Amino acid sequence: RRLKREKRCGQVDRLDRNHYRFTANVFDANELFPWIRTFICRITRL
């Protein structure tokens, strides 16, 4: 719910019961760094 609420663009897809994928096409991916780091313990692929 937080992932969907805080994303400013892009989309969230459910892969299975416990796995989700976030994808976004942006002008500057560096701007996502602080936000991505808040999920770092749960990220399995980046």
ModelCIF file with pLDDT and N, C-alpha, C, O atoms, coordinates in Angstrom:
data_MODEL
#
_entry.id   MODEL 
#
_entity.id                         1 
_entity.type                       polymer 
_entity.pdbx_number_of_molecules   1 
#
_entity_poly.entity_id                      1 
_entity_poly.type                           'polypeptide(L)' 
_entity_poly.nstd_linkage                   no 
_entity_poly.nstd_monomer                   no 
_entity_poly.pdbx_seq_one_letter_code       RRLKREKRCGQVDRLDRNHYRFTANVFDANELFPWIRTFICRITRL 
_entity_poly.pdbx_seq_one_letter_code_can   RRLKREKRCGQVDRLDRNHYRFTANVFDANELFPWIRTFICRITRL 
_entity_poly.pdbx_strand_id                 A 
#
loop_
_entity_poly_seq.entity_id 
_entity_poly_seq.num 
_entity_poly_seq.mon_id 
_entity_poly_seq.hetero 
1 1  ARG n 
1 2  ARG n 
1 3  LEU n 
1 4  LYS n 
1 5  ARG n 
1 6  GLU n 
1 7  LYS n 
1 8  ARG n 
1 9  CYS n 
1 10 GLY n 
1 11 GLN n 
1 12 VAL n 
1 13 ASP n 
1 14 ARG n 
1 15 LEU n 
1 16 ASP n 
1 17 ARG n 
1 18 ASN n 
1 19 HIS n 
1 20 TYR n 
1 21 ARG n 
1 22 PHE n 
1 23 THR n 
1 24 ALA n 
1 25 ASN n 
1 26 VAL n 
1 27 PHE n 
1 28 ASP n 
1 29 ALA n 
1 30 ASN n 
1 31 GLU n 
1 32 LEU n 
1 33 PHE n 
1 34 PRO n 
1 35 TRP n 
1 36 ILE n 
1 37 ARG n 
1 38 THR n 
1 39 PHE n 
1 40 ILE n 
1 41 CYS n 
1 42 ARG n 
1 43 ILE n 
1 44 THR n 
1 45 ARG n 
1 46 LEU n 
#
_struct_asym.id          A 
_struct_asym.entity_id   1 
#
loop_
_ma_qa_metric.id 
_ma_qa_metric.mode 
_ma_qa_metric.name 
_ma_qa_metric.software_group_id 
_ma_qa_metric.type 
1 global pLDDT . pLDDT 
2 local  pLDDT . pLDDT 
#
_ma_qa_metric_global.metric_id      1 
_ma_qa_metric_global.metric_value   94.76 
_ma_qa_metric_global.model_id       1 
_ma_qa_metric_global.ordinal_id     1 
#
loop_
_ma_qa_metric_local.label_asym_id 
_ma_qa_metric_local.label_comp_id 
_ma_qa_metric_local.label_seq_id 
_ma_qa_metric_local.metric_id 
_ma_qa_metric_local.metric_value 
_ma_qa_metric_local.model_id 
_ma_qa_metric_local.ordinal_id 
A ARG 1  2 96.00 1 1  
A ARG 2  2 95.00 1 2  
A LEU 3  2 95.00 1 3  
A LYS 4  2 95.00 1 4  
A ARG 5  2 95.00 1 5  
A GLU 6  2 94.00 1 6  
A LYS 7  2 94.00 1 7  
A ARG 8  2 92.00 1 8  
A CYS 9  2 93.00 1 9  
A GLY 10 2 94.00 1 10 
A GLN 11 2 95.00 1 11 
A VAL 12 2 96.00 1 12 
A ASP 13 2 96.00 1 13 
A ARG 14 2 96.00 1 14 
A LEU 15 2 96.00 1 15 
A ASP 16 2 95.00 1 16 
A ARG 17 2 93.00 1 17 
A ASN 18 2 95.00 1 18 
A HIS 19 2 96.00 1 19 
A TYR 20 2 97.00 1 20 
A ARG 21 2 97.00 1 21 
A PHE 22 2 97.00 1 22 
A THR 23 2 97.00 1 23 
A ALA 24 2 97.00 1 24 
A ASN 25 2 96.00 1 25 
A VAL 26 2 95.00 1 26 
A PHE 27 2 94.00 1 27 
A ASP 28 2 94.00 1 28 
A ALA 29 2 95.00 1 29 
A ASN 30 2 95.00 1 30 
A GLU 31 2 94.00 1 31 
A LEU 32 2 95.00 1 32 
A PHE 33 2 95.00 1 33 
A PRO 34 2 93.00 1 34 
A TRP 35 2 95.00 1 35 
A ILE 36 2 96.00 1 36 
A ARG 37 2 93.00 1 37 
A THR 38 2 93.00 1 38 
A PHE 39 2 95.00 1 39 
A ILE 40 2 91.00 1 40 
A CYS 41 2 90.00 1 41 
A ARG 42 2 94.00 1 42 
A ILE 43 2 95.00 1 43 
A THR 44 2 95.00 1 44 
A ARG 45 2 95.00 1 45 
A LEU 46 2 95.00 1 46 
#
loop_
_atom_site.group_PDB 
_atom_site.id 
_atom_site.type_symbol 
_atom_site.label_atom_id 
_atom_site.label_alt_id 
_atom_site.label_comp_id 
_atom_site.label_asym_id 
_atom_site.label_entity_id 
_atom_site.label_seq_id 
_atom_site.pdbx_PDB_ins_code 
_atom_site.Cartn_x 
_atom_site.Cartn_y 
_atom_site.Cartn_z 
_atom_site.occupancy 
_atom_site.B_iso_or_equiv 
_atom_site.pdbx_formal_charge 
_atom_site.auth_seq_id 
_atom_site.auth_comp_id 
_atom_site.auth_asym_id 
_atom_site.auth_atom_id 
_atom_site.pdbx_PDB_model_num 
ATOM 1   N N  . ARG A 1 1  ? 0.841  -1.204  0.000   1.00 96.00 ? 1  ARG A N  1 
ATOM 2   C CA . ARG A 1 1  ? 0.000  0.000   0.000   1.00 96.00 ? 1  ARG A CA 1 
ATOM 3   C C  . ARG A 1 1  ? 0.873  1.251   0.000   1.00 96.00 ? 1  ARG A C  1 
ATOM 4   O O  . ARG A 1 1  ? 0.572  2.235   -0.675  1.00 96.00 ? 1  ARG A O  1 
ATOM 5   N N  . ARG A 1 2  ? 1.958  1.196   0.766   1.00 95.00 ? 2  ARG A N  1 
ATOM 6   C CA . ARG A 1 2  ? 2.879  2.328   0.779   1.00 95.00 ? 2  ARG A CA 1 
ATOM 7   C C  . ARG A 1 2  ? 3.566  2.490   -0.569  1.00 95.00 ? 2  ARG A C  1 
ATOM 8   O O  . ARG A 1 2  ? 3.734  3.612   -1.047  1.00 95.00 ? 2  ARG A O  1 
ATOM 9   N N  . LEU A 1 3  ? 3.964  1.382   -1.188  1.00 95.00 ? 3  LEU A N  1 
ATOM 10  C CA . LEU A 1 3  ? 4.605  1.421   -2.491  1.00 95.00 ? 3  LEU A CA 1 
ATOM 11  C C  . LEU A 1 3  ? 3.702  2.103   -3.521  1.00 95.00 ? 3  LEU A C  1 
ATOM 12  O O  . LEU A 1 3  ? 4.158  2.942   -4.297  1.00 95.00 ? 3  LEU A O  1 
ATOM 13  N N  . LYS A 1 4  ? 2.435  1.740   -3.520  1.00 95.00 ? 4  LYS A N  1 
ATOM 14  C CA . LYS A 1 4  ? 1.488  2.315   -4.474  1.00 95.00 ? 4  LYS A CA 1 
ATOM 15  C C  . LYS A 1 4  ? 1.172  3.771   -4.141  1.00 95.00 ? 4  LYS A C  1 
ATOM 16  O O  . LYS A 1 4  ? 0.955  4.587   -5.037  1.00 95.00 ? 4  LYS A O  1 
ATOM 17  N N  . ARG A 1 5  ? 1.148  4.087   -2.851  1.00 95.00 ? 5  ARG A N  1 
ATOM 18  C CA . ARG A 1 5  ? 0.809  5.446   -2.440  1.00 95.00 ? 5  ARG A CA 1 
ATOM 19  C C  . ARG A 1 5  ? 1.932  6.431   -2.742  1.00 95.00 ? 5  ARG A C  1 
ATOM 20  O O  . ARG A 1 5  ? 1.671  7.564   -3.145  1.00 95.00 ? 5  ARG A O  1 
ATOM 21  N N  . GLU A 1 6  ? 3.171  6.012   -2.552  1.00 94.00 ? 6  GLU A N  1 
ATOM 22  C CA . GLU A 1 6  ? 4.292  6.934   -2.651  1.00 94.00 ? 6  GLU A CA 1 
ATOM 23  C C  . GLU A 1 6  ? 4.878  7.042   -4.050  1.00 94.00 ? 6  GLU A C  1 
ATOM 24  O O  . GLU A 1 6  ? 5.576  8.011   -4.350  1.00 94.00 ? 6  GLU A O  1 
ATOM 25  N N  . LYS A 1 7  ? 4.609  6.071   -4.905  1.00 94.00 ? 7  LYS A N  1 
ATOM 26  C CA . LYS A 1 7  ? 5.193  6.148   -6.246  1.00 94.00 ? 7  LYS A CA 1 
ATOM 27  C C  . LYS A 1 7  ? 4.628  7.360   -6.982  1.00 94.00 ? 7  LYS A C  1 
ATOM 28  O O  . LYS A 1 7  ? 3.427  7.628   -6.935  1.00 94.00 ? 7  LYS A O  1 
ATOM 29  N N  . ARG A 1 8  ? 5.495  8.072   -7.649  1.00 92.00 ? 8  ARG A N  1 
ATOM 30  C CA . ARG A 1 8  ? 5.072  9.282   -8.362  1.00 92.00 ? 8  ARG A CA 1 
ATOM 31  C C  . ARG A 1 8  ? 4.804  8.999   -9.837  1.00 92.00 ? 8  ARG A C  1 
ATOM 32  O O  . ARG A 1 8  ? 4.143  9.783   -10.518 1.00 92.00 ? 8  ARG A O  1 
ATOM 33  N N  . CYS A 1 9  ? 5.313  7.893   -10.315 1.00 93.00 ? 9  CYS A N  1 
ATOM 34  C CA . CYS A 1 9  ? 5.031  7.420   -11.666 1.00 93.00 ? 9  CYS A CA 1 
ATOM 35  C C  . CYS A 1 9  ? 5.375  5.937   -11.683 1.00 93.00 ? 9  CYS A C  1 
ATOM 36  O O  . CYS A 1 9  ? 5.805  5.387   -10.669 1.00 93.00 ? 9  CYS A O  1 
ATOM 37  N N  . GLY A 1 10 ? 5.189  5.293   -12.819 1.00 94.00 ? 10 GLY A N  1 
ATOM 38  C CA . GLY A 1 10 ? 5.469  3.870   -12.898 1.00 94.00 ? 10 GLY A CA 1 
ATOM 39  C C  . GLY A 1 10 ? 4.278  3.019   -12.487 1.00 94.00 ? 10 GLY A C  1 
ATOM 40  O O  . GLY A 1 10 ? 3.181  3.530   -12.264 1.00 94.00 ? 10 GLY A O  1 
ATOM 41  N N  . GLN A 1 11 ? 4.510  1.708   -12.389 1.00 95.00 ? 11 GLN A N  1 
ATOM 42  C CA . GLN A 1 11 ? 3.431  0.795   -12.045 1.00 95.00 ? 11 GLN A CA 1 
ATOM 43  C C  . GLN A 1 11 ? 3.933  -0.324  -11.143 1.00 95.00 ? 11 GLN A C  1 
ATOM 44  O O  . GLN A 1 11 ? 5.124  -0.633  -11.109 1.00 95.00 ? 11 GLN A O  1 
ATOM 45  N N  . VAL A 1 12 ? 2.997  -0.921  -10.416 1.00 96.00 ? 12 VAL A N  1 
ATOM 46  C CA . VAL A 1 12 ? 3.288  -2.030  -9.505  1.00 96.00 ? 12 VAL A CA 1 
ATOM 47  C C  . VAL A 1 12 ? 2.522  -3.254  -9.984  1.00 96.00 ? 12 VAL A C  1 
ATOM 48  O O  . VAL A 1 12 ? 1.306  -3.195  -10.166 1.00 96.00 ? 12 VAL A O  1 
ATOM 49  N N  . ASP A 1 13 ? 3.224  -4.357  -10.188 1.00 96.00 ? 13 ASP A N  1 
ATOM 50  C CA . ASP A 1 13 ? 2.608  -5.611  -10.641 1.00 96.00 ? 13 ASP A CA 1 
ATOM 51  C C  . ASP A 1 13 ? 2.841  -6.706  -9.601  1.00 96.00 ? 13 ASP A C  1 
ATOM 52  O O  . ASP A 1 13 ? 3.917  -6.811  -9.012  1.00 96.00 ? 13 ASP A O  1 
ATOM 53  N N  . ARG A 1 14 ? 1.817  -7.509  -9.395  1.00 96.00 ? 14 ARG A N  1 
ATOM 54  C CA . ARG A 1 14 ? 1.938  -8.625  -8.468  1.00 96.00 ? 14 ARG A CA 1 
ATOM 55  C C  . ARG A 1 14 ? 2.428  -9.844  -9.232  1.00 96.00 ? 14 ARG A C  1 
ATOM 56  O O  . ARG A 1 14 ? 1.831  -10.230 -10.236 1.00 96.00 ? 14 ARG A O  1 
ATOM 57  N N  . LEU A 1 15 ? 3.519  -10.456 -8.758  1.00 96.00 ? 15 LEU A N  1 
ATOM 58  C CA . LEU A 1 15 ? 4.087  -11.634 -9.415  1.00 96.00 ? 15 LEU A CA 1 
ATOM 59  C C  . LEU A 1 15 ? 3.514  -12.920 -8.842  1.00 96.00 ? 15 LEU A C  1 
ATOM 60  O O  . LEU A 1 15 ? 3.179  -13.841 -9.588  1.00 96.00 ? 15 LEU A O  1 
ATOM 61  N N  . ASP A 1 16 ? 3.403  -12.986 -7.543  1.00 95.00 ? 16 ASP A N  1 
ATOM 62  C CA . ASP A 1 16 ? 2.746  -14.104 -6.874  1.00 95.00 ? 16 ASP A CA 1 
ATOM 63  C C  . ASP A 1 16 ? 2.285  -13.611 -5.509  1.00 95.00 ? 16 ASP A C  1 
ATOM 64  O O  . ASP A 1 16 ? 2.216  -12.404 -5.274  1.00 95.00 ? 16 ASP A O  1 
ATOM 65  N N  . ARG A 1 17 ? 1.977  -14.520 -4.625  1.00 93.00 ? 17 ARG A N  1 
ATOM 66  C CA . ARG A 1 17 ? 1.393  -14.135 -3.342  1.00 93.00 ? 17 ARG A CA 1 
ATOM 67  C C  . ARG A 1 17 ? 2.276  -13.173 -2.548  1.00 93.00 ? 17 ARG A C  1 
ATOM 68  O O  . ARG A 1 17 ? 1.773  -12.273 -1.877  1.00 93.00 ? 17 ARG A O  1 
ATOM 69  N N  . ASN A 1 18 ? 3.579  -13.364 -2.626  1.00 95.00 ? 18 ASN A N  1 
ATOM 70  C CA . ASN A 1 18 ? 4.482  -12.579 -1.780  1.00 95.00 ? 18 ASN A CA 1 
ATOM 71  C C  . ASN A 1 18 ? 5.500  -11.738 -2.553  1.00 95.00 ? 18 ASN A C  1 
ATOM 72  O O  . ASN A 1 18 ? 6.369  -11.112 -1.946  1.00 95.00 ? 18 ASN A O  1 
ATOM 73  N N  . HIS A 1 19 ? 5.402  -11.719 -3.877  1.00 96.00 ? 19 HIS A N  1 
ATOM 74  C CA . HIS A 1 19 ? 6.387  -10.984 -4.669  1.00 96.00 ? 19 HIS A CA 1 
ATOM 75  C C  . HIS A 1 19 ? 5.697  -9.959  -5.576  1.00 96.00 ? 19 HIS A C  1 
ATOM 76  O O  . HIS A 1 19 ? 4.669  -10.237 -6.193  1.00 96.00 ? 19 HIS A O  1 
ATOM 77  N N  . TYR A 1 20 ? 6.298  -8.763  -5.634  1.00 97.00 ? 20 TYR A N  1 
ATOM 78  C CA . TYR A 1 20 ? 5.774  -7.673  -6.450  1.00 97.00 ? 20 TYR A CA 1 
ATOM 79  C C  . TYR A 1 20 ? 6.916  -7.044  -7.228  1.00 97.00 ? 20 TYR A C  1 
ATOM 80  O O  . TYR A 1 20 ? 8.078  -7.111  -6.827  1.00 97.00 ? 20 TYR A O  1 
ATOM 81  N N  . ARG A 1 21 ? 6.559  -6.425  -8.360  1.00 97.00 ? 21 ARG A N  1 
ATOM 82  C CA . ARG A 1 21 ? 7.552  -5.746  -9.191  1.00 97.00 ? 21 ARG A CA 1 
ATOM 83  C C  . ARG A 1 21 ? 7.125  -4.296  -9.410  1.00 97.00 ? 21 ARG A C  1 
ATOM 84  O O  . ARG A 1 21 ? 5.969  -4.006  -9.720  1.00 97.00 ? 21 ARG A O  1 
ATOM 85  N N  . PHE A 1 22 ? 8.087  -3.399  -9.241  1.00 97.00 ? 22 PHE A N  1 
ATOM 86  C CA . PHE A 1 22 ? 7.875  -1.984  -9.558  1.00 97.00 ? 22 PHE A CA 1 
ATOM 87  C C  . PHE A 1 22 ? 8.701  -1.628  -10.783 1.00 97.00 ? 22 PHE A C  1 
ATOM 88  O O  . PHE A 1 22 ? 9.882  -1.970  -10.858 1.00 97.00 ? 22 PHE A O  1 
ATOM 89  N N  . THR A 1 23 ? 8.087  -0.940  -11.749 1.00 97.00 ? 23 THR A N  1 
ATOM 90  C CA . THR A 1 23 ? 8.772  -0.524  -12.972 1.00 97.00 ? 23 THR A CA 1 
ATOM 91  C C  . THR A 1 23 ? 8.419  0.921   -13.287 1.00 97.00 ? 23 THR A C  1 
ATOM 92  O O  . THR A 1 23 ? 7.255  1.316   -13.216 1.00 97.00 ? 23 THR A O  1 
ATOM 93  N N  . ALA A 1 24 ? 9.440  1.712   -13.639 1.00 97.00 ? 24 ALA A N  1 
ATOM 94  C CA . ALA A 1 24 ? 9.200  3.103   -14.015 1.00 97.00 ? 24 ALA A CA 1 
ATOM 95  C C  . ALA A 1 24 ? 10.208 3.528   -15.066 1.00 97.00 ? 24 ALA A C  1 
ATOM 96  O O  . ALA A 1 24 ? 11.367 3.113   -15.040 1.00 97.00 ? 24 ALA A O  1 
ATOM 97  N N  . ASN A 1 25 ? 9.756  4.355   -15.987 1.00 96.00 ? 25 ASN A N  1 
ATOM 98  C CA . ASN A 1 25 ? 10.621 4.973   -16.987 1.00 96.00 ? 25 ASN A CA 1 
ATOM 99  C C  . ASN A 1 25 ? 10.697 6.464   -16.675 1.00 96.00 ? 25 ASN A C  1 
ATOM 100 O O  . ASN A 1 25 ? 9.704  7.184   -16.781 1.00 96.00 ? 25 ASN A O  1 
ATOM 101 N N  . VAL A 1 26 ? 11.883 6.915   -16.290 1.00 95.00 ? 26 VAL A N  1 
ATOM 102 C CA . VAL A 1 26 ? 12.034 8.273   -15.780 1.00 95.00 ? 26 VAL A CA 1 
ATOM 103 C C  . VAL A 1 26 ? 13.161 9.004   -16.498 1.00 95.00 ? 26 VAL A C  1 
ATOM 104 O O  . VAL A 1 26 ? 13.988 8.398   -17.180 1.00 95.00 ? 26 VAL A O  1 
ATOM 105 N N  . PHE A 1 27 ? 13.170 10.325  -16.326 1.00 94.00 ? 27 PHE A N  1 
ATOM 106 C CA . PHE A 1 27 ? 14.235 11.133  -16.912 1.00 94.00 ? 27 PHE A CA 1 
ATOM 107 C C  . PHE A 1 27 ? 15.549 10.949  -16.169 1.00 94.00 ? 27 PHE A C  1 
ATOM 108 O O  . PHE A 1 27 ? 16.612 10.912  -16.787 1.00 94.00 ? 27 PHE A O  1 
ATOM 109 N N  . ASP A 1 28 ? 15.483 10.834  -14.851 1.00 94.00 ? 28 ASP A N  1 
ATOM 110 C CA . ASP A 1 28 ? 16.699 10.718  -14.043 1.00 94.00 ? 28 ASP A CA 1 
ATOM 111 C C  . ASP A 1 28 ? 16.470 9.694   -12.940 1.00 94.00 ? 28 ASP A C  1 
ATOM 112 O O  . ASP A 1 28 ? 15.792 9.978   -11.953 1.00 94.00 ? 28 ASP A O  1 
ATOM 113 N N  . ALA A 1 29 ? 17.035 8.507   -13.108 1.00 95.00 ? 29 ALA A N  1 
ATOM 114 C CA . ALA A 1 29 ? 16.836 7.430   -12.135 1.00 95.00 ? 29 ALA A CA 1 
ATOM 115 C C  . ALA A 1 29 ? 17.541 7.697   -10.817 1.00 95.00 ? 29 ALA A C  1 
ATOM 116 O O  . ALA A 1 29 ? 17.190 7.094   -9.803  1.00 95.00 ? 29 ALA A O  1 
ATOM 117 N N  . ASN A 1 30 ? 18.530 8.589   -10.805 1.00 95.00 ? 30 ASN A N  1 
ATOM 118 C CA . ASN A 1 30 ? 19.225 8.908   -9.555  1.00 95.00 ? 30 ASN A CA 1 
ATOM 119 C C  . ASN A 1 30 ? 18.271 9.476   -8.509  1.00 95.00 ? 30 ASN A C  1 
ATOM 120 O O  . ASN A 1 30 ? 18.507 9.329   -7.310  1.00 95.00 ? 30 ASN A O  1 
ATOM 121 N N  . GLU A 1 31 ? 17.207 10.118  -8.951  1.00 94.00 ? 31 GLU A N  1 
ATOM 122 C CA . GLU A 1 31 ? 16.276 10.732  -8.023  1.00 94.00 ? 31 GLU A CA 1 
ATOM 123 C C  . GLU A 1 31 ? 15.497 9.696   -7.217  1.00 94.00 ? 31 GLU A C  1 
ATOM 124 O O  . GLU A 1 31 ? 14.908 10.036  -6.191  1.00 94.00 ? 31 GLU A O  1 
ATOM 125 N N  . LEU A 1 32 ? 15.483 8.435   -7.662  1.00 95.00 ? 32 LEU A N  1 
ATOM 126 C CA . LEU A 1 32 ? 14.778 7.372   -6.946  1.00 95.00 ? 32 LEU A CA 1 
ATOM 127 C C  . LEU A 1 32 ? 15.605 6.746   -5.834  1.00 95.00 ? 32 LEU A C  1 
ATOM 128 O O  . LEU A 1 32 ? 15.070 6.010   -5.004  1.00 95.00 ? 32 LEU A O  1 
ATOM 129 N N  . PHE A 1 33 ? 16.901 7.028   -5.807  1.00 95.00 ? 33 PHE A N  1 
ATOM 130 C CA . PHE A 1 33 ? 17.791 6.334   -4.876  1.00 95.00 ? 33 PHE A CA 1 
ATOM 131 C C  . PHE A 1 33 ? 17.299 6.370   -3.423  1.00 95.00 ? 33 PHE A C  1 
ATOM 132 O O  . PHE A 1 33 ? 17.192 5.313   -2.802  1.00 95.00 ? 33 PHE A O  1 
ATOM 133 N N  . PRO A 1 34 ? 16.995 7.546   -2.861  1.00 93.00 ? 34 PRO A N  1 
ATOM 134 C CA . PRO A 1 34 ? 16.583 7.566   -1.436  1.00 93.00 ? 34 PRO A CA 1 
ATOM 135 C C  . PRO A 1 34 ? 15.331 6.732   -1.187  1.00 93.00 ? 34 PRO A C  1 
ATOM 136 O O  . PRO A 1 34 ? 15.228 6.053   -0.166  1.00 93.00 ? 34 PRO A O  1 
ATOM 137 N N  . TRP A 1 35 ? 14.385 6.782   -2.113  1.00 95.00 ? 35 TRP A N  1 
ATOM 138 C CA . TRP A 1 35 ? 13.143 6.022   -1.952  1.00 95.00 ? 35 TRP A CA 1 
ATOM 139 C C  . TRP A 1 35 ? 13.392 4.523   -2.062  1.00 95.00 ? 35 TRP A C  1 
ATOM 140 O O  . TRP A 1 35 ? 12.852 3.747   -1.274  1.00 95.00 ? 35 TRP A O  1 
ATOM 141 N N  . ILE A 1 36 ? 14.195 4.116   -3.018  1.00 96.00 ? 36 ILE A N  1 
ATOM 142 C CA . ILE A 1 36 ? 14.495 2.695   -3.192  1.00 96.00 ? 36 ILE A CA 1 
ATOM 143 C C  . ILE A 1 36 ? 15.178 2.129   -1.954  1.00 96.00 ? 36 ILE A C  1 
ATOM 144 O O  . ILE A 1 36 ? 14.909 1.001   -1.542  1.00 96.00 ? 36 ILE A O  1 
ATOM 145 N N  . ARG A 1 37 ? 16.071 2.933   -1.365  1.00 93.00 ? 37 ARG A N  1 
ATOM 146 C CA . ARG A 1 37 ? 16.818 2.439   -0.197  1.00 93.00 ? 37 ARG A CA 1 
ATOM 147 C C  . ARG A 1 37 ? 15.897 2.129   0.984   1.00 93.00 ? 37 ARG A C  1 
ATOM 148 O O  . ARG A 1 37 ? 16.258 1.324   1.842   1.00 93.00 ? 37 ARG A O  1 
ATOM 149 N N  . THR A 1 38 ? 14.724 2.745   1.045   1.00 93.00 ? 38 THR A N  1 
ATOM 150 C CA . THR A 1 38 ? 13.810 2.452   2.156   1.00 93.00 ? 38 THR A CA 1 
ATOM 151 C C  . THR A 1 38 ? 13.201 1.061   2.043   1.00 93.00 ? 38 THR A C  1 
ATOM 152 O O  . THR A 1 38 ? 12.622 0.563   3.009   1.00 93.00 ? 38 THR A O  1 
ATOM 153 N N  . PHE A 1 39 ? 13.322 0.422   0.873   1.00 95.00 ? 39 PHE A N  1 
ATOM 154 C CA . PHE A 1 39 ? 12.815 -0.943  0.680   1.00 95.00 ? 39 PHE A CA 1 
ATOM 155 C C  . PHE A 1 39 ? 13.954 -1.962  0.585   1.00 95.00 ? 39 PHE A C  1 
ATOM 156 O O  . PHE A 1 39 ? 13.711 -3.128  0.273   1.00 95.00 ? 39 PHE A O  1 
ATOM 157 N N  . ILE A 1 40 ? 15.182 -1.540  0.848   1.00 91.00 ? 40 ILE A N  1 
ATOM 158 C CA . ILE A 1 40 ? 16.345 -2.334  0.501   1.00 91.00 ? 40 ILE A CA 1 
ATOM 159 C C  . ILE A 1 40 ? 16.336 -3.725  1.137   1.00 91.00 ? 40 ILE A C  1 
ATOM 160 O O  . ILE A 1 40 ? 16.829 -4.675  0.529   1.00 91.00 ? 40 ILE A O  1 
ATOM 161 N N  . CYS A 1 41 ? 15.792 -3.864  2.335   1.00 90.00 ? 41 CYS A N  1 
ATOM 162 C CA . CYS A 1 41 ? 15.802 -5.163  3.011   1.00 90.00 ? 41 CYS A CA 1 
ATOM 163 C C  . CYS A 1 41 ? 14.817 -6.155  2.395   1.00 90.00 ? 41 CYS A C  1 
ATOM 164 O O  . CYS A 1 41 ? 14.885 -7.354  2.664   1.00 90.00 ? 41 CYS A O  1 
ATOM 165 N N  . ARG A 1 42 ? 13.911 -5.655  1.575   1.00 94.00 ? 42 ARG A N  1 
ATOM 166 C CA . ARG A 1 42 ? 12.908 -6.534  0.969   1.00 94.00 ? 42 ARG A CA 1 
ATOM 167 C C  . ARG A 1 42 ? 13.144 -6.747  -0.523  1.00 94.00 ? 42 ARG A C  1 
ATOM 168 O O  . ARG A 1 42 ? 12.484 -7.585  -1.138  1.00 94.00 ? 42 ARG A O  1 
ATOM 169 N N  . ILE A 1 43 ? 14.069 -6.007  -1.104  1.00 95.00 ? 43 ILE A N  1 
ATOM 170 C CA . ILE A 1 43 ? 14.325 -6.107  -2.551  1.00 95.00 ? 43 ILE A CA 1 
ATOM 171 C C  . ILE A 1 43 ? 15.112 -7.379  -2.851  1.00 95.00 ? 43 ILE A C  1 
ATOM 172 O O  . ILE A 1 43 ? 16.146 -7.648  -2.239  1.00 95.00 ? 43 ILE A O  1 
ATOM 173 N N  . THR A 1 44 ? 14.604 -8.152  -3.803  1.00 95.00 ? 44 THR A N  1 
ATOM 174 C CA . THR A 1 44 ? 15.283 -9.378  -4.228  1.00 95.00 ? 44 THR A CA 1 
ATOM 175 C C  . THR A 1 44 ? 15.984 -9.206  -5.570  1.00 95.00 ? 44 THR A C  1 
ATOM 176 O O  . THR A 1 44 ? 16.873 -9.986  -5.910  1.00 95.00 ? 44 THR A O  1 
ATOM 177 N N  . ARG A 1 45 ? 15.591 -8.198  -6.325  1.00 95.00 ? 45 ARG A N  1 
ATOM 178 C CA . ARG A 1 45 ? 16.211 -7.941  -7.629  1.00 95.00 ? 45 ARG A CA 1 
ATOM 179 C C  . ARG A 1 45 ? 16.062 -6.464  -7.953  1.00 95.00 ? 45 ARG A C  1 
ATOM 180 O O  . ARG A 1 45 ? 15.001 -5.873  -7.752  1.00 95.00 ? 45 ARG A O  1 
ATOM 181 N N  . LEU A 1 46 ? 17.143 -5.876  -8.459  1.00 95.00 ? 46 LEU A N  1 
ATOM 182 C CA . LEU A 1 46 ? 17.131 -4.456  -8.786  1.00 95.00 ? 46 LEU A CA 1 
ATOM 183 C C  . LEU A 1 46 ? 17.931 -4.232  -10.058 1.00 95.00 ? 46 LEU A C  1 
ATOM 184 O O  . LEU A 1 46 ? 18.053 -3.097  -10.519 1.00 95.00 ? 46 LEU A O  1 
#
